[in-house]
Amino acid sequence: MRPDVSQDVFRLQNTRVTANVEPSNTAARSHGSITMDNDAYGRYRGEVQICKRDLGADHRVNVIGRVIEEDIPLLSLLKPGQTIKLIIE
């Protein structure tokens, strides 16, 4: 996780890319959604976040996954700079 704090999302460190990230599934983002900024977000393209709260749809942000329901309460324990591991199920 990045050490700087955002009120809306946990931002993962070193996830920005230079390759194209086409807009896809730019739906509303619920608490626990895992997202990736797409080409429309410019220099933030590829940045991955986990939503701390419900957020509306944004054409610049792709929803790429979700924290499993039983792990949602653990999000309140995360701290800036902490290491996390995302597992695909």
C-alpha atoms as a PDB file:
ATOM      1  CA  MET A   1       0.000   0.000   0.000  1.00  0.00           C
ATOM      2  CA  ARG A   2       1.093   3.539  -0.637  1.00  0.00           C
ATOM      3  CA  PRO A   3       2.025   5.488   2.488  1.00  0.00           C
ATOM      4  CA  ASP A   4      -0.126   8.512   1.549  1.00  0.00           C
ATOM      5  CA  VAL A   5      -3.738   8.403   2.737  1.00  0.00           C
ATOM      6  CA  SER A   6      -6.929   8.770   0.698  1.00  0.00           C
ATOM      7  CA  GLN A   7     -10.362   9.026   2.303  1.00  0.00           C
ATOM      8  CA  ASP A   8     -12.002   6.936  -0.460  1.00  0.00           C
ATOM      9  CA  VAL A   9      -9.532   4.197  -1.434  1.00  0.00           C
ATOM     10  CA  PHE A  10      -6.453   2.254  -0.430  1.00  0.00           C
ATOM     11  CA  ARG A  11      -3.944   2.827  -3.241  1.00  0.00           C
ATOM     12  CA  LEU A  12      -1.529   0.044  -4.096  1.00  0.00           C
ATOM     13  CA  GLN A  13       2.063   1.051  -4.694  1.00  0.00           C
ATOM     14  CA  ASN A  14       3.934   0.629  -8.008  1.00  0.00           C
ATOM     15  CA  THR A  15       0.923  -0.402 -10.098  1.00  0.00           C
ATOM     16  CA  ARG A  16       0.925   2.363 -12.736  1.00  0.00           C
ATOM     17  CA  VAL A  17       1.658   1.201 -16.298  1.00  0.00           C
ATOM     18  CA  THR A  18       2.559   2.738 -19.639  1.00  0.00           C
ATOM     19  CA  ALA A  19       0.637   0.096 -21.653  1.00  0.00           C
ATOM     20  CA  ASN A  20      -2.946   0.827 -22.689  1.00  0.00           C
ATOM     21  CA  VAL A  21      -5.718   0.113 -20.183  1.00  0.00           C
ATOM     22  CA  GLU A  22      -8.955   0.332 -22.141  1.00  0.00           C
ATOM     23  CA  PRO A  23     -12.133   1.434 -20.313  1.00  0.00           C
ATOM     24  CA  SER A  24     -14.080  -1.650 -19.242  1.00  0.00           C
ATOM     25  CA  ASN A  25     -16.677  -2.280 -16.514  1.00  0.00           C
ATOM     26  CA  THR A  26     -16.706   1.355 -15.391  1.00  0.00           C
ATOM     27  CA  ALA A  27     -19.575   0.582 -12.996  1.00  0.00           C
ATOM     28  CA  ALA A  28     -20.421   1.905  -9.541  1.00  0.00           C
ATOM     29  CA  ARG A  29     -17.810   0.863  -6.987  1.00  0.00           C
ATOM     30  CA  SER A  30     -18.962  -0.639  -3.692  1.00  0.00           C
ATOM     31  CA  HIS A  31     -16.949  -0.942  -0.482  1.00  0.00           C
ATOM     32  CA  GLY A  32     -14.353  -3.649  -1.184  1.00  0.00           C
ATOM     33  CA  SER A  33     -14.282  -3.204  -4.970  1.00  0.00           C
ATOM     34  CA  ILE A  34     -10.841  -3.567  -6.551  1.00  0.00           C
ATOM     35  CA  THR A  35     -10.314  -1.035  -9.320  1.00  0.00           C
ATOM     36  CA  MET A  36      -7.755  -0.014 -11.933  1.00  0.00           C
ATOM     37  CA  ASP A  37      -7.491   3.435 -13.486  1.00  0.00           C
ATOM     38  CA  ASN A  38      -7.804   3.269 -17.271  1.00  0.00           C
ATOM     39  CA  ASP A  39      -6.336   5.368 -20.120  1.00  0.00           C
ATOM     40  CA  ALA A  40      -8.762   8.234 -19.412  1.00  0.00           C
ATOM     41  CA  TYR A  41      -6.971   8.841 -16.076  1.00  0.00           C
ATOM     42  CA  GLY A  42      -3.730   9.831 -17.824  1.00  0.00           C
ATOM     43  CA  ARG A  43      -0.579   9.389 -15.742  1.00  0.00           C
ATOM     44  CA  TYR A  44      -2.492   7.334 -13.136  1.00  0.00           C
ATOM     45  CA  ARG A  45      -3.260   4.621 -15.749  1.00  0.00           C
ATOM     46  CA  GLY A  46      -2.925   1.158 -14.231  1.00  0.00           C
ATOM     47  CA  GLU A  47      -3.087   2.306 -10.610  1.00  0.00           C
ATOM     48  CA  VAL A  48      -4.934  -0.276  -8.509  1.00  0.00           C
ATOM     49  CA  GLN A  49      -7.098   0.642  -5.534  1.00  0.00           C
ATOM     50  CA  ILE A  50      -9.443  -0.983  -3.025  1.00  0.00           C
ATOM     51  CA  CYS A  51     -12.525   1.064  -2.173  1.00  0.00           C
ATOM     52  CA  LYS A  52     -12.975   2.070   1.478  1.00  0.00           C
ATOM     53  CA  ARG A  53     -16.583   3.110   0.847  1.00  0.00           C
ATOM     54  CA  ASP A  54     -19.226   3.046  -1.870  1.00  0.00           C
ATOM     55  CA  LEU A  55     -18.364   5.299  -4.816  1.00  0.00           C
ATOM     56  CA  GLY A  56     -20.233   6.121  -7.995  1.00  0.00           C
ATOM     57  CA  ALA A  57     -19.243   5.002 -11.474  1.00  0.00           C
ATOM     58  CA  ASP A  58     -16.357   6.880 -13.112  1.00  0.00           C
ATOM     59  CA  HIS A  59     -15.547   6.461 -16.800  1.00  0.00           C
ATOM     60  CA  ARG A  60     -11.820   6.639 -15.876  1.00  0.00           C
ATOM     61  CA  VAL A  61     -11.934   3.688 -13.437  1.00  0.00           C
ATOM     62  CA  ASN A  62     -12.397  -0.018 -14.273  1.00  0.00           C
ATOM     63  CA  VAL A  63     -13.815  -2.380 -11.637  1.00  0.00           C
ATOM     64  CA  ILE A  64     -11.571  -5.463 -11.886  1.00  0.00           C
ATOM     65  CA  GLY A  65     -12.507  -7.475  -8.802  1.00  0.00           C
ATOM     66  CA  ARG A  66     -13.865  -7.566  -5.283  1.00  0.00           C
ATOM     67  CA  VAL A  67     -12.576  -8.422  -1.808  1.00  0.00           C
ATOM     68  CA  ILE A  68     -14.453 -11.531  -0.653  1.00  0.00           C
ATOM     69  CA  GLU A  69     -17.289 -10.744   1.735  1.00  0.00           C
ATOM     70  CA  GLU A  70     -15.742 -12.436   4.782  1.00  0.00           C
ATOM     71  CA  ASP A  71     -12.593 -10.281   4.407  1.00  0.00           C
ATOM     72  CA  ILE A  72     -14.408  -6.912   4.124  1.00  0.00           C
ATOM     73  CA  PRO A  73     -14.144  -6.296   7.922  1.00  0.00           C
ATOM     74  CA  LEU A  74     -10.347  -6.643   7.633  1.00  0.00           C
ATOM     75  CA  LEU A  75     -10.183  -3.518   5.446  1.00  0.00           C
ATOM     76  CA  SER A  76     -10.727  -1.366   8.548  1.00  0.00           C
ATOM     77  CA  LEU A  77      -7.439  -2.729   9.943  1.00  0.00           C
ATOM     78  CA  LEU A  78      -5.258  -1.686   6.980  1.00  0.00           C
ATOM     79  CA  LYS A  79      -2.675   1.039   7.548  1.00  0.00           C
ATOM     80  CA  PRO A  80      -0.736   3.206   5.062  1.00  0.00           C
ATOM     81  CA  GLY A  81       2.455   1.502   3.881  1.00  0.00           C
ATOM     82  CA  GLN A  82       1.250  -1.948   4.949  1.00  0.00           C
ATOM     83  CA  THR A  83       1.910  -4.933   2.688  1.00  0.00           C
ATOM     84  CA  ILE A  84      -1.108  -6.879   1.431  1.00  0.00           C
ATOM     85  CA  LYS A  85      -1.526  -9.861  -0.870  1.00  0.00           C
ATOM     86  CA  LEU A  86      -4.367 -10.195  -3.370  1.00  0.00           C
ATOM     87  CA  ILE A  87      -5.347 -13.784  -4.205  1.00  0.00           C
ATOM     88  CA  ILE A  88      -7.438 -14.638  -7.256  1.00  0.00           C
ATOM     89  CA  GLU A  89     -10.147 -17.201  -6.515  1.00  0.00           C
END
